[in-house]
Amino acid sequence: MTIQENISLKSHNTFGIDVKARFFVEITGLAQLQKVLELTAYPKRFIISGGSNMLLTKDIDALVMHINLKGISIAEENGESVEIKAMAGENWHNLAMWSLDRGYGGLENLSLIPGNVGTAPIQNIGAYGVELKDVFISCTAMDVETGELVAFDKEDCQFGYRDSIFKNEAKDKFIITSVNLRLTKKDHVLHTGYGAIEEELKSNGIVYPTIRDISNAVIAIRQSKLPDPKELGNSGSFFKNPVISKKKFDKFIKHHPKAPFYELEDDQFKIPAGWLIEQCGFKGKRFGDAGVHEKQALVLVNYGKATGKEILELAENIQKEVKNKFGIDILPEVNIIK
């Protein structure tokens, strides 16, 4: 185990923000993780995994622990379904492809979501009508105070829209080490009604899609709209889609009758944040090296040398303009480190 000093985190966050870690250690095993947590010389710790859902605005004066636990295995299976266990450091998209290669259904709509497995429950990641909670069984996490492994089932995780207990009362108290998911082996439930999936399938002449067809459609849609972080620094969708009450929606749609929306349960309505941002004139705009992507207004980008503070300033300006124009608050999906 080697603890390094003054290490750049540019390659450890998808925005490509060049900040430094005062101390840095790579975690590749559970016993190693326990040993690091026992070190009293580093009272301040900071956890990083795939770095896909964070905006770093300053140097990290702490021991940065890069969780790089690897491994995918089958915990149990029957004729209908399979339970898989994936370690926290596994790349999420690679896990989705691993499952599809074996004919397992459930992750196809979540293809090409950036980041690693360990951060998926924190966000309750989701896309195209499917969320992690739909396939989630449990996760194992290490208590940072005791070093003990604790199991969290679906109810324990308190999943919400891009939300979980790990963003709230359990924040900074646990490090997720593995996730167990239930996937189907046959009679897959296909989700094609959200976004442009049906249109993409139709354009490819696919009438009876397989789970692989849906994955390919999702990948094509995402690649057409979202920049590759390896080529243009970004963290995917920067803002959550706001959910508003029926009373507020009725007032909103009266003034903006052509606005897209999705009706949810309990008289709530989801408004695409990208549409709100685009209506405020931000789509494709650049402010120094910080900007809004030309194809998807929901994505903030780093054109090369933007600082985290510059991207945060842009995000705050967008929030202010959306609030002024529509009376709607849009909240960051990205974890902002101030």
C-alpha atoms as a PDB file:
ATOM      1  CA  MET A   1       0.000   0.000   0.000  1.00  0.00           C
ATOM      2  CA  THR A   2       1.523   3.286  -1.143  1.00  0.00           C
ATOM      3  CA  ILE A   3       0.241   6.676  -0.062  1.00  0.00           C
ATOM      4  CA  GLN A   4       1.279   9.381  -2.508  1.00  0.00           C
ATOM      5  CA  GLU A   5       1.395  13.139  -1.977  1.00  0.00           C
ATOM      6  CA  ASN A   6       0.213  16.088  -4.098  1.00  0.00           C
ATOM      7  CA  ILE A   7      -1.330  13.991  -6.869  1.00  0.00           C
ATOM      8  CA  SER A   8      -3.346  15.553  -9.701  1.00  0.00           C
ATOM      9  CA  LEU A   9      -6.920  14.320  -9.898  1.00  0.00           C
ATOM     10  CA  LYS A  10      -7.386  15.419 -13.508  1.00  0.00           C
ATOM     11  CA  SER A  11      -7.510  11.831 -14.760  1.00  0.00           C
ATOM     12  CA  HIS A  12      -9.806  10.799 -11.900  1.00  0.00           C
ATOM     13  CA  ASN A  13     -12.768  13.065 -12.744  1.00  0.00           C
ATOM     14  CA  THR A  14     -14.626  13.126 -16.050  1.00  0.00           C
ATOM     15  CA  PHE A  15     -14.782  16.933 -16.095  1.00  0.00           C
ATOM     16  CA  GLY A  16     -10.984  16.841 -16.337  1.00  0.00           C
ATOM     17  CA  ILE A  17     -10.586  19.439 -13.587  1.00  0.00           C
ATOM     18  CA  ASP A  18      -6.935  19.750 -12.589  1.00  0.00           C
ATOM     19  CA  VAL A  19      -6.999  19.887  -8.795  1.00  0.00           C
ATOM     20  CA  LYS A  20      -4.628  18.097  -6.444  1.00  0.00           C
ATOM     21  CA  ALA A  21      -5.049  15.572  -3.669  1.00  0.00           C
ATOM     22  CA  ARG A  22      -2.897  16.268  -0.597  1.00  0.00           C
ATOM     23  CA  PHE A  23      -2.620  12.484  -0.166  1.00  0.00           C
ATOM     24  CA  PHE A  24      -3.751   9.696  -2.491  1.00  0.00           C
ATOM     25  CA  VAL A  25      -4.115   5.920  -2.208  1.00  0.00           C
ATOM     26  CA  GLU A  26      -5.450   3.256  -4.581  1.00  0.00           C
ATOM     27  CA  ILE A  27      -7.786   0.730  -2.932  1.00  0.00           C
ATOM     28  CA  THR A  28      -7.875  -2.696  -4.612  1.00  0.00           C
ATOM     29  CA  GLY A  29      -8.981  -4.989  -1.765  1.00  0.00           C
ATOM     30  CA  LEU A  30     -11.322  -5.040   1.225  1.00  0.00           C
ATOM     31  CA  ALA A  31      -8.549  -5.779   3.734  1.00  0.00           C
ATOM     32  CA  GLN A  32      -6.565  -2.867   2.324  1.00  0.00           C
ATOM     33  CA  LEU A  33      -9.607  -0.608   2.657  1.00  0.00           C
ATOM     34  CA  GLN A  34      -9.961  -1.569   6.314  1.00  0.00           C
ATOM     35  CA  LYS A  35      -6.270  -0.857   6.958  1.00  0.00           C
ATOM     36  CA  VAL A  36      -6.487   2.577   5.356  1.00  0.00           C
ATOM     37  CA  LEU A  37      -9.534   3.459   7.447  1.00  0.00           C
ATOM     38  CA  GLU A  38      -7.547   2.533  10.571  1.00  0.00           C
ATOM     39  CA  LEU A  39      -4.759   5.011   9.772  1.00  0.00           C
ATOM     40  CA  THR A  40      -4.899   7.783  12.359  1.00  0.00           C
ATOM     41  CA  ALA A  41      -2.430  10.019  10.520  1.00  0.00           C
ATOM     42  CA  TYR A  42      -5.108  10.922   7.952  1.00  0.00           C
ATOM     43  CA  PRO A  43      -8.230  12.036   9.837  1.00  0.00           C
ATOM     44  CA  LYS A  44      -9.724  13.668   6.740  1.00  0.00           C
ATOM     45  CA  ARG A  45     -10.725  11.332   3.917  1.00  0.00           C
ATOM     46  CA  PHE A  46     -12.286  11.785   0.504  1.00  0.00           C
ATOM     47  CA  ILE A  47     -13.730   8.937  -1.561  1.00  0.00           C
ATOM     48  CA  ILE A  48     -13.455   8.844  -5.344  1.00  0.00           C
ATOM     49  CA  SER A  49     -14.412   6.086  -7.783  1.00  0.00           C
ATOM     50  CA  GLY A  50     -15.073   6.718 -11.467  1.00  0.00           C
ATOM     51  CA  GLY A  51     -15.233  10.476 -10.884  1.00  0.00           C
ATOM     52  CA  SER A  52     -18.192  10.751 -13.244  1.00  0.00           C
ATOM     53  CA  ASN A  53     -20.647  12.544 -11.044  1.00  0.00           C
ATOM     54  CA  MET A  54     -18.641  15.232  -9.326  1.00  0.00           C
ATOM     55  CA  LEU A  55     -17.423  18.750  -9.876  1.00  0.00           C
ATOM     56  CA  LEU A  56     -14.196  19.526  -8.033  1.00  0.00           C
ATOM     57  CA  THR A  57     -13.816  23.243  -7.329  1.00  0.00           C
ATOM     58  CA  LYS A  58     -10.693  23.143  -5.151  1.00  0.00           C
ATOM     59  CA  ASP A  59      -7.706  21.029  -4.112  1.00  0.00           C
ATOM     60  CA  ILE A  60      -8.626  18.190  -1.746  1.00  0.00           C
ATOM     61  CA  ASP A  61      -6.808  18.620   1.562  1.00  0.00           C
ATOM     62  CA  ALA A  62      -7.400  15.048   2.658  1.00  0.00           C
ATOM     63  CA  LEU A  63      -6.469  11.441   1.951  1.00  0.00           C
ATOM     64  CA  VAL A  64      -8.175  10.716  -1.362  1.00  0.00           C
ATOM     65  CA  MET A  65      -9.130   7.040  -1.492  1.00  0.00           C
ATOM     66  CA  HIS A  66      -9.637   5.753  -5.030  1.00  0.00           C
ATOM     67  CA  ILE A  67     -11.997   2.762  -4.744  1.00  0.00           C
ATOM     68  CA  ASN A  68     -10.858   0.320  -7.423  1.00  0.00           C
ATOM     69  CA  LEU A  69     -12.339  -2.983  -6.243  1.00  0.00           C
ATOM     70  CA  LYS A  70     -12.836  -5.373  -9.193  1.00  0.00           C
ATOM     71  CA  GLY A  71     -14.878  -8.472  -9.922  1.00  0.00           C
ATOM     72  CA  ILE A  72     -18.238  -9.660 -11.291  1.00  0.00           C
ATOM     73  CA  SER A  73     -19.749 -12.954 -10.182  1.00  0.00           C
ATOM     74  CA  ILE A  74     -23.034 -14.868 -10.070  1.00  0.00           C
ATOM     75  CA  ALA A  75     -24.390 -15.079  -6.535  1.00  0.00           C
ATOM     76  CA  GLU A  76     -27.298 -17.377  -7.384  1.00  0.00           C
ATOM     77  CA  GLU A  77     -29.614 -18.201 -10.260  1.00  0.00           C
ATOM     78  CA  ASN A  78     -32.641 -20.156 -11.323  1.00  0.00           C
ATOM     79  CA  GLY A  79     -34.422 -20.745 -14.600  1.00  0.00           C
ATOM     80  CA  GLU A  80     -36.019 -17.308 -14.603  1.00  0.00           C
ATOM     81  CA  SER A  81     -33.420 -14.936 -13.233  1.00  0.00           C
ATOM     82  CA  VAL A  82     -29.882 -14.454 -12.004  1.00  0.00           C
ATOM     83  CA  GLU A  83     -28.438 -12.501  -9.091  1.00  0.00           C
ATOM     84  CA  ILE A  84     -25.097 -10.926  -9.913  1.00  0.00           C
ATOM     85  CA  LYS A  85     -22.574  -9.324  -7.591  1.00  0.00           C
ATOM     86  CA  ALA A  86     -20.403  -6.543  -8.979  1.00  0.00           C
ATOM     87  CA  MET A  87     -17.587  -4.898  -7.058  1.00  0.00           C
ATOM     88  CA  ALA A  88     -17.603  -1.127  -6.653  1.00  0.00           C
ATOM     89  CA  GLY A  89     -14.683  -0.387  -8.976  1.00  0.00           C
ATOM     90  CA  GLU A  90     -16.213  -2.075 -12.014  1.00  0.00           C
ATOM     91  CA  ASN A  91     -17.146   0.269 -14.849  1.00  0.00           C
ATOM     92  CA  TRP A  92     -20.949   0.491 -15.079  1.00  0.00           C
ATOM     93  CA  HIS A  93     -21.182   0.253 -18.874  1.00  0.00           C
ATOM     94  CA  ASN A  94     -18.824  -2.731 -18.884  1.00  0.00           C
ATOM     95  CA  LEU A  95     -21.181  -4.414 -16.404  1.00  0.00           C
ATOM     96  CA  ALA A  96     -24.148  -3.692 -18.697  1.00  0.00           C
ATOM     97  CA  MET A  97     -22.261  -5.241 -21.641  1.00  0.00           C
ATOM     98  CA  TRP A  98     -21.206  -8.217 -19.499  1.00  0.00           C
ATOM     99  CA  SER A  99     -24.856  -8.913 -18.669  1.00  0.00           C
ATOM    100  CA  LEU A 100     -26.009  -8.548 -22.292  1.00  0.00           C
ATOM    101  CA  ASP A 101     -23.261 -10.897 -23.501  1.00  0.00           C
ATOM    102  CA  ARG A 102     -24.829 -13.539 -21.260  1.00  0.00           C
ATOM    103  CA  GLY A 103     -28.406 -12.778 -22.284  1.00  0.00           C
ATOM    104  CA  TYR A 104     -29.352 -11.181 -18.966  1.00  0.00           C
ATOM    105  CA  GLY A 105     -31.976  -8.444 -19.126  1.00  0.00           C
ATOM    106  CA  GLY A 106     -32.481  -5.373 -16.971  1.00  0.00           C
ATOM    107  CA  LEU A 107     -29.525  -3.089 -17.660  1.00  0.00           C
ATOM    108  CA  GLU A 108     -30.054  -2.442 -21.373  1.00  0.00           C
ATOM    109  CA  ASN A 109     -31.704   0.972 -20.856  1.00  0.00           C
ATOM    110  CA  LEU A 110     -28.848   1.928 -18.548  1.00  0.00           C
ATOM    111  CA  SER A 111     -26.157   1.329 -21.184  1.00  0.00           C
ATOM    112  CA  LEU A 112     -23.361   3.890 -21.550  1.00  0.00           C
ATOM    113  CA  ILE A 113     -24.062   5.645 -18.262  1.00  0.00           C
ATOM    114  CA  PRO A 114     -20.631   6.862 -17.141  1.00  0.00           C
ATOM    115  CA  GLY A 115     -19.094   5.950 -13.811  1.00  0.00           C
ATOM    116  CA  ASN A 116     -18.509   2.895 -11.686  1.00  0.00           C
ATOM    117  CA  VAL A 117     -20.790   0.406  -9.945  1.00  0.00           C
ATOM    118  CA  GLY A 118     -20.113   1.719  -6.449  1.00  0.00           C
ATOM    119  CA  THR A 119     -21.628   5.109  -7.117  1.00  0.00           C
ATOM    120  CA  ALA A 120     -24.746   3.759  -8.854  1.00  0.00           C
ATOM    121  CA  PRO A 121     -26.789   3.323  -5.629  1.00  0.00           C
ATOM    122  CA  ILE A 122     -25.779   6.753  -4.340  1.00  0.00           C
ATOM    123  CA  GLN A 123     -27.456   8.384  -7.326  1.00  0.00           C
ATOM    124  CA  ASN A 124     -30.051   5.703  -8.017  1.00  0.00           C
ATOM    125  CA  ILE A 125     -28.843   6.112 -11.591  1.00  0.00           C
ATOM    126  CA  GLY A 126     -31.472   6.026 -14.287  1.00  0.00           C
ATOM    127  CA  ALA A 127     -32.153   6.599 -17.974  1.00  0.00           C
ATOM    128  CA  TYR A 128     -34.886   6.006 -20.539  1.00  0.00           C
ATOM    129  CA  GLY A 129     -37.567   4.930 -18.094  1.00  0.00           C
ATOM    130  CA  VAL A 130     -35.447   2.610 -15.937  1.00  0.00           C
ATOM    131  CA  GLU A 131     -33.691   3.216 -12.616  1.00  0.00           C
ATOM    132  CA  LEU A 132     -31.183   1.181 -10.655  1.00  0.00           C
ATOM    133  CA  LYS A 133     -33.818   0.412  -8.009  1.00  0.00           C
ATOM    134  CA  ASP A 134     -35.740  -1.607 -10.625  1.00  0.00           C
ATOM    135  CA  VAL A 135     -33.030  -4.313 -10.599  1.00  0.00           C
ATOM    136  CA  PHE A 136     -31.411  -3.639  -7.227  1.00  0.00           C
ATOM    137  CA  ILE A 137     -31.343  -6.314  -4.509  1.00  0.00           C
ATOM    138  CA  SER A 138     -28.754  -5.017  -2.062  1.00  0.00           C
ATOM    139  CA  CYS A 139     -25.355  -3.452  -1.641  1.00  0.00           C
ATOM    140  CA  THR A 140     -22.555  -3.973   0.839  1.00  0.00           C
ATOM    141  CA  ALA A 141     -20.801  -0.996   2.357  1.00  0.00           C
ATOM    142  CA  MET A 142     -17.978  -0.531   4.820  1.00  0.00           C
ATOM    143  CA  ASP A 143     -18.601   1.578   7.900  1.00  0.00           C
ATOM    144  CA  VAL A 144     -15.813   4.170   7.881  1.00  0.00           C
ATOM    145  CA  GLU A 145     -15.701   4.296  11.681  1.00  0.00           C
ATOM    146  CA  THR A 146     -15.659   0.584  12.495  1.00  0.00           C
ATOM    147  CA  GLY A 147     -14.415  -1.018   9.261  1.00  0.00           C
ATOM    148  CA  GLU A 148     -17.337  -3.444   9.413  1.00  0.00           C
ATOM    149  CA  LEU A 149     -19.247  -4.493   6.308  1.00  0.00           C
ATOM    150  CA  VAL A 150     -22.954  -3.631   6.403  1.00  0.00           C
ATOM    151  CA  ALA A 151     -25.674  -4.865   4.016  1.00  0.00           C
ATOM    152  CA  PHE A 152     -28.305  -2.447   2.693  1.00  0.00           C
ATOM    153  CA  ASP A 153     -31.416  -3.839   0.977  1.00  0.00           C
ATOM    154  CA  LYS A 154     -33.631  -1.812  -1.332  1.00  0.00           C
ATOM    155  CA  GLU A 155     -35.786  -0.466   1.490  1.00  0.00           C
ATOM    156  CA  ASP A 156     -32.713   0.498   3.518  1.00  0.00           C
ATOM    157  CA  CYS A 157     -31.383   2.558   0.615  1.00  0.00           C
ATOM    158  CA  GLN A 158     -34.441   4.856   0.553  1.00  0.00           C
ATOM    159  CA  PHE A 159     -34.195   5.353  -3.198  1.00  0.00           C
ATOM    160  CA  GLY A 160     -35.732   8.453  -4.758  1.00  0.00           C
ATOM    161  CA  TYR A 161     -35.245  10.352  -7.982  1.00  0.00           C
ATOM    162  CA  ARG A 162     -31.416  10.495  -8.244  1.00  0.00           C
ATOM    163  CA  ASP A 163     -31.384  10.144  -4.495  1.00  0.00           C
ATOM    164  CA  SER A 164     -30.683   7.632  -1.730  1.00  0.00           C
ATOM    165  CA  ILE A 165     -29.756   7.334   1.920  1.00  0.00           C
ATOM    166  CA  PHE A 166     -26.104   7.656   0.849  1.00  0.00           C
ATOM    167  CA  LYS A 167     -26.761  11.261  -0.139  1.00  0.00           C
ATOM    168  CA  ASN A 168     -28.500  11.989   3.133  1.00  0.00           C
ATOM    169  CA  GLU A 169     -28.185  10.441   6.602  1.00  0.00           C
ATOM    170  CA  ALA A 170     -25.569   7.873   5.510  1.00  0.00           C
ATOM    171  CA  LYS A 171     -23.469  10.407   3.587  1.00  0.00           C
ATOM    172  CA  ASP A 172     -19.720  10.071   4.317  1.00  0.00           C
ATOM    173  CA  LYS A 173     -20.449   7.279   6.811  1.00  0.00           C
ATOM    174  CA  PHE A 174     -20.166   4.304   4.433  1.00  0.00           C
ATOM    175  CA  ILE A 175     -18.103   3.248   1.424  1.00  0.00           C
ATOM    176  CA  ILE A 176     -20.014   1.005  -0.972  1.00  0.00           C
ATOM    177  CA  THR A 177     -17.908  -2.036  -1.843  1.00  0.00           C
ATOM    178  CA  SER A 178     -20.272  -4.163  -3.967  1.00  0.00           C
ATOM    179  CA  VAL A 179     -23.762  -4.217  -5.448  1.00  0.00           C
ATOM    180  CA  ASN A 180     -26.125  -7.164  -6.048  1.00  0.00           C
ATOM    181  CA  LEU A 181     -28.653  -6.983  -8.893  1.00  0.00           C
ATOM    182  CA  ARG A 182     -31.482  -9.245 -10.073  1.00  0.00           C
ATOM    183  CA  LEU A 183     -31.530  -9.686 -13.868  1.00  0.00           C
ATOM    184  CA  THR A 184     -33.857 -11.744 -16.038  1.00  0.00           C
ATOM    185  CA  LYS A 185     -32.794 -14.756 -18.098  1.00  0.00           C
ATOM    186  CA  LYS A 186     -35.981 -14.925 -20.180  1.00  0.00           C
ATOM    187  CA  ASP A 187     -39.330 -13.160 -20.608  1.00  0.00           C
ATOM    188  CA  HIS A 188     -37.493  -9.840 -20.389  1.00  0.00           C
ATOM    189  CA  VAL A 189     -39.572  -6.741 -19.653  1.00  0.00           C
ATOM    190  CA  LEU A 190     -38.743  -4.282 -22.433  1.00  0.00           C
ATOM    191  CA  HIS A 191     -38.889  -0.528 -21.865  1.00  0.00           C
ATOM    192  CA  THR A 192     -39.125   1.256 -25.214  1.00  0.00           C
ATOM    193  CA  GLY A 193     -41.634   4.037 -24.546  1.00  0.00           C
ATOM    194  CA  TYR A 194     -39.295   6.650 -23.071  1.00  0.00           C
ATOM    195  CA  GLY A 195     -37.336   9.182 -25.078  1.00  0.00           C
ATOM    196  CA  ALA A 196     -36.370   8.340 -28.644  1.00  0.00           C
ATOM    197  CA  ILE A 197     -35.936   4.568 -28.265  1.00  0.00           C
ATOM    198  CA  GLU A 198     -38.955   3.617 -30.393  1.00  0.00           C
ATOM    199  CA  GLU A 199     -37.922   6.090 -33.089  1.00  0.00           C
ATOM    200  CA  GLU A 200     -34.375   4.708 -33.124  1.00  0.00           C
ATOM    201  CA  LEU A 201     -35.632   1.133 -33.361  1.00  0.00           C
ATOM    202  CA  LYS A 202     -38.026   2.051 -36.157  1.00  0.00           C
ATOM    203  CA  SER A 203     -35.284   3.804 -38.127  1.00  0.00           C
ATOM    204  CA  ASN A 204     -33.306   0.557 -37.989  1.00  0.00           C
ATOM    205  CA  GLY A 205     -36.282  -1.514 -39.130  1.00  0.00           C
ATOM    206  CA  ILE A 206     -36.609  -3.329 -35.804  1.00  0.00           C
ATOM    207  CA  VAL A 207     -40.181  -4.361 -34.984  1.00  0.00           C
ATOM    208  CA  TYR A 208     -39.552  -6.997 -32.314  1.00  0.00           C
ATOM    209  CA  PRO A 209     -36.544  -5.732 -30.378  1.00  0.00           C
ATOM    210  CA  THR A 210     -34.260  -7.815 -28.200  1.00  0.00           C
ATOM    211  CA  ILE A 211     -32.534  -6.487 -25.102  1.00  0.00           C
ATOM    212  CA  ARG A 212     -29.416  -6.053 -27.245  1.00  0.00           C
ATOM    213  CA  ASP A 213     -31.414  -3.990 -29.761  1.00  0.00           C
ATOM    214  CA  ILE A 214     -32.607  -1.700 -26.984  1.00  0.00           C
ATOM    215  CA  SER A 215     -29.081  -1.313 -25.640  1.00  0.00           C
ATOM    216  CA  ASN A 216     -27.788  -0.458 -29.105  1.00  0.00           C
ATOM    217  CA  ALA A 217     -30.566   2.105 -29.518  1.00  0.00           C
ATOM    218  CA  VAL A 218     -29.778   3.708 -26.166  1.00  0.00           C
ATOM    219  CA  ILE A 219     -26.073   3.826 -26.995  1.00  0.00           C
ATOM    220  CA  ALA A 220     -26.762   5.427 -30.381  1.00  0.00           C
ATOM    221  CA  ILE A 221     -29.051   8.048 -28.810  1.00  0.00           C
ATOM    222  CA  ARG A 222     -26.590   8.865 -26.025  1.00  0.00           C
ATOM    223  CA  GLN A 223     -23.660   9.107 -28.425  1.00  0.00           C
ATOM    224  CA  SER A 224     -25.628  11.460 -30.688  1.00  0.00           C
ATOM    225  CA  LYS A 225     -26.394  13.808 -27.792  1.00  0.00           C
ATOM    226  CA  LEU A 226     -23.697  13.408 -25.178  1.00  0.00           C
ATOM    227  CA  PRO A 227     -19.972  14.100 -25.576  1.00  0.00           C
ATOM    228  CA  ASP A 228     -17.381  11.465 -24.712  1.00  0.00           C
ATOM    229  CA  PRO A 229     -15.652  12.607 -21.484  1.00  0.00           C
ATOM    230  CA  LYS A 230     -12.359  11.353 -22.920  1.00  0.00           C
ATOM    231  CA  GLU A 231     -12.687  13.936 -25.688  1.00  0.00           C
ATOM    232  CA  LEU A 232     -14.601  16.740 -23.954  1.00  0.00           C
ATOM    233  CA  GLY A 233     -14.716  17.024 -20.180  1.00  0.00           C
ATOM    234  CA  ASN A 234     -18.230  16.616 -18.769  1.00  0.00           C
ATOM    235  CA  SER A 235     -20.242  14.754 -16.164  1.00  0.00           C
ATOM    236  CA  GLY A 236     -23.269  13.834 -18.237  1.00  0.00           C
ATOM    237  CA  SER A 237     -26.512  15.439 -17.123  1.00  0.00           C
ATOM    238  CA  PHE A 238     -25.540  18.244 -14.752  1.00  0.00           C
ATOM    239  CA  PHE A 239     -29.077  18.994 -13.510  1.00  0.00           C
ATOM    240  CA  LYS A 240     -32.011  16.872 -12.407  1.00  0.00           C
ATOM    241  CA  ASN A 241     -35.262  17.195 -14.302  1.00  0.00           C
ATOM    242  CA  PRO A 242     -37.505  19.211 -11.966  1.00  0.00           C
ATOM    243  CA  VAL A 243     -40.699  17.620 -10.656  1.00  0.00           C
ATOM    244  CA  ILE A 244     -43.546  20.052  -9.938  1.00  0.00           C
ATOM    245  CA  SER A 245     -47.056  19.877  -8.507  1.00  0.00           C
ATOM    246  CA  LYS A 246     -50.200  19.880 -10.664  1.00  0.00           C
ATOM    247  CA  LYS A 247     -51.068  23.390  -9.499  1.00  0.00           C
ATOM    248  CA  LYS A 248     -47.677  24.692 -10.559  1.00  0.00           C
ATOM    249  CA  PHE A 249     -47.780  22.639 -13.765  1.00  0.00           C
ATOM    250  CA  ASP A 250     -51.182  24.039 -14.788  1.00  0.00           C
ATOM    251  CA  LYS A 251     -49.823  27.548 -14.460  1.00  0.00           C
ATOM    252  CA  PHE A 252     -46.616  26.628 -16.287  1.00  0.00           C
ATOM    253  CA  ILE A 253     -48.274  24.869 -19.246  1.00  0.00           C
ATOM    254  CA  LYS A 254     -50.768  27.715 -19.666  1.00  0.00           C
ATOM    255  CA  HIS A 255     -47.888  30.086 -20.417  1.00  0.00           C
ATOM    256  CA  HIS A 256     -45.782  27.478 -22.273  1.00  0.00           C
ATOM    257  CA  PRO A 257     -48.257  25.165 -24.073  1.00  0.00           C
ATOM    258  CA  LYS A 258     -45.598  23.566 -26.297  1.00  0.00           C
ATOM    259  CA  ALA A 259     -43.329  22.566 -23.428  1.00  0.00           C
ATOM    260  CA  PRO A 260     -42.513  18.844 -23.149  1.00  0.00           C
ATOM    261  CA  PHE A 261     -43.437  17.067 -19.924  1.00  0.00           C
ATOM    262  CA  TYR A 262     -43.951  13.663 -18.341  1.00  0.00           C
ATOM    263  CA  GLU A 263     -46.904  12.986 -16.068  1.00  0.00           C
ATOM    264  CA  LEU A 264     -45.957  11.078 -12.931  1.00  0.00           C
ATOM    265  CA  GLU A 265     -47.950   9.569 -10.090  1.00  0.00           C
ATOM    266  CA  ASP A 266     -49.560  11.635  -7.320  1.00  0.00           C
ATOM    267  CA  ASP A 267     -50.409  14.569  -9.612  1.00  0.00           C
ATOM    268  CA  GLN A 268     -46.786  15.452 -10.251  1.00  0.00           C
ATOM    269  CA  PHE A 269     -45.137  16.425 -13.514  1.00  0.00           C
ATOM    270  CA  LYS A 270     -41.537  16.181 -14.679  1.00  0.00           C
ATOM    271  CA  ILE A 271     -40.257  18.975 -16.941  1.00  0.00           C
ATOM    272  CA  PRO A 272     -37.066  18.336 -18.966  1.00  0.00           C
ATOM    273  CA  ALA A 273     -34.387  20.598 -17.507  1.00  0.00           C
ATOM    274  CA  GLY A 274     -32.586  20.609 -20.860  1.00  0.00           C
ATOM    275  CA  TRP A 275     -35.601  22.243 -22.506  1.00  0.00           C
ATOM    276  CA  LEU A 276     -35.796  24.907 -19.788  1.00  0.00           C
ATOM    277  CA  ILE A 277     -32.091  25.686 -20.169  1.00  0.00           C
ATOM    278  CA  GLU A 278     -32.341  25.802 -23.952  1.00  0.00           C
ATOM    279  CA  GLN A 279     -35.260  28.242 -23.767  1.00  0.00           C
ATOM    280  CA  CYS A 280     -33.024  30.529 -21.713  1.00  0.00           C
ATOM    281  CA  GLY A 281     -30.537  30.652 -24.574  1.00  0.00           C
ATOM    282  CA  PHE A 282     -27.673  28.699 -23.023  1.00  0.00           C
ATOM    283  CA  LYS A 283     -27.470  25.767 -25.439  1.00  0.00           C
ATOM    284  CA  GLY A 284     -24.124  25.775 -27.246  1.00  0.00           C
ATOM    285  CA  LYS A 285     -22.896  28.871 -25.420  1.00  0.00           C
ATOM    286  CA  ARG A 286     -19.298  29.082 -24.274  1.00  0.00           C
ATOM    287  CA  PHE A 287     -17.889  31.196 -21.466  1.00  0.00           C
ATOM    288  CA  GLY A 288     -14.122  30.898 -21.646  1.00  0.00           C
ATOM    289  CA  ASP A 289     -13.407  27.180 -21.399  1.00  0.00           C
ATOM    290  CA  ALA A 290     -16.685  26.454 -19.570  1.00  0.00           C
ATOM    291  CA  GLY A 291     -19.764  25.922 -21.694  1.00  0.00           C
ATOM    292  CA  VAL A 292     -23.072  24.233 -22.440  1.00  0.00           C
ATOM    293  CA  HIS A 293     -22.958  21.424 -24.959  1.00  0.00           C
ATOM    294  CA  GLU A 294     -24.226  22.251 -28.435  1.00  0.00           C
ATOM    295  CA  LYS A 295     -26.379  19.124 -28.730  1.00  0.00           C
ATOM    296  CA  GLN A 296     -27.698  18.770 -25.174  1.00  0.00           C
ATOM    297  CA  ALA A 297     -28.293  21.780 -22.931  1.00  0.00           C
ATOM    298  CA  LEU A 298     -28.369  19.557 -19.860  1.00  0.00           C
ATOM    299  CA  VAL A 299     -24.642  18.890 -20.219  1.00  0.00           C
ATOM    300  CA  LEU A 300     -22.022  21.370 -19.023  1.00  0.00           C
ATOM    301  CA  VAL A 301     -18.576  20.924 -20.539  1.00  0.00           C
ATOM    302  CA  ASN A 302     -14.941  21.769 -19.983  1.00  0.00           C
ATOM    303  CA  TYR A 303     -13.326  22.789 -23.263  1.00  0.00           C
ATOM    304  CA  GLY A 304      -9.872  22.298 -21.809  1.00  0.00           C
ATOM    305  CA  LYS A 305      -8.738  24.531 -18.998  1.00  0.00           C
ATOM    306  CA  ALA A 306     -11.907  25.532 -17.186  1.00  0.00           C
ATOM    307  CA  THR A 307     -11.706  25.461 -13.416  1.00  0.00           C
ATOM    308  CA  GLY A 308     -14.344  23.855 -11.263  1.00  0.00           C
ATOM    309  CA  LYS A 309     -15.288  27.295  -9.955  1.00  0.00           C
ATOM    310  CA  GLU A 310     -15.886  28.563 -13.510  1.00  0.00           C
ATOM    311  CA  ILE A 311     -18.192  25.627 -14.306  1.00  0.00           C
ATOM    312  CA  LEU A 312     -19.992  26.133 -11.001  1.00  0.00           C
ATOM    313  CA  GLU A 313     -20.478  29.821 -11.768  1.00  0.00           C
ATOM    314  CA  LEU A 314     -22.012  28.897 -15.127  1.00  0.00           C
ATOM    315  CA  ALA A 315     -24.313  26.368 -13.419  1.00  0.00           C
ATOM    316  CA  GLU A 316     -25.472  28.957 -10.902  1.00  0.00           C
ATOM    317  CA  ASN A 317     -26.167  31.486 -13.683  1.00  0.00           C
ATOM    318  CA  ILE A 318     -28.261  28.870 -15.505  1.00  0.00           C
ATOM    319  CA  GLN A 319     -30.238  28.123 -12.335  1.00  0.00           C
ATOM    320  CA  LYS A 320     -30.891  31.837 -11.818  1.00  0.00           C
ATOM    321  CA  GLU A 321     -32.113  32.394 -15.392  1.00  0.00           C
ATOM    322  CA  VAL A 322     -34.399  29.340 -15.353  1.00  0.00           C
ATOM    323  CA  LYS A 323     -35.878  30.486 -12.062  1.00  0.00           C
ATOM    324  CA  ASN A 324     -36.437  34.021 -13.387  1.00  0.00           C
ATOM    325  CA  LYS A 325     -38.030  32.856 -16.647  1.00  0.00           C
ATOM    326  CA  PHE A 326     -40.120  29.896 -15.470  1.00  0.00           C
ATOM    327  CA  GLY A 327     -40.324  30.145 -11.691  1.00  0.00           C
ATOM    328  CA  ILE A 328     -38.884  26.622 -11.505  1.00  0.00           C
ATOM    329  CA  ASP A 329     -35.854  25.542  -9.490  1.00  0.00           C
ATOM    330  CA  ILE A 330     -33.452  23.130 -11.181  1.00  0.00           C
ATOM    331  CA  LEU A 331     -31.077  21.308  -8.872  1.00  0.00           C
ATOM    332  CA  PRO A 332     -27.669  19.800  -9.661  1.00  0.00           C
ATOM    333  CA  GLU A 333     -27.485  16.079 -10.185  1.00  0.00           C
ATOM    334  CA  VAL A 334     -23.716  16.334  -9.917  1.00  0.00           C
ATOM    335  CA  ASN A 335     -22.032  16.257  -6.505  1.00  0.00           C
ATOM    336  CA  ILE A 336     -20.318  19.637  -6.143  1.00  0.00           C
ATOM    337  CA  ILE A 337     -17.205  19.697  -3.958  1.00  0.00           C
ATOM    338  CA  LYS A 338     -16.789  23.242  -2.634  1.00  0.00           C
END
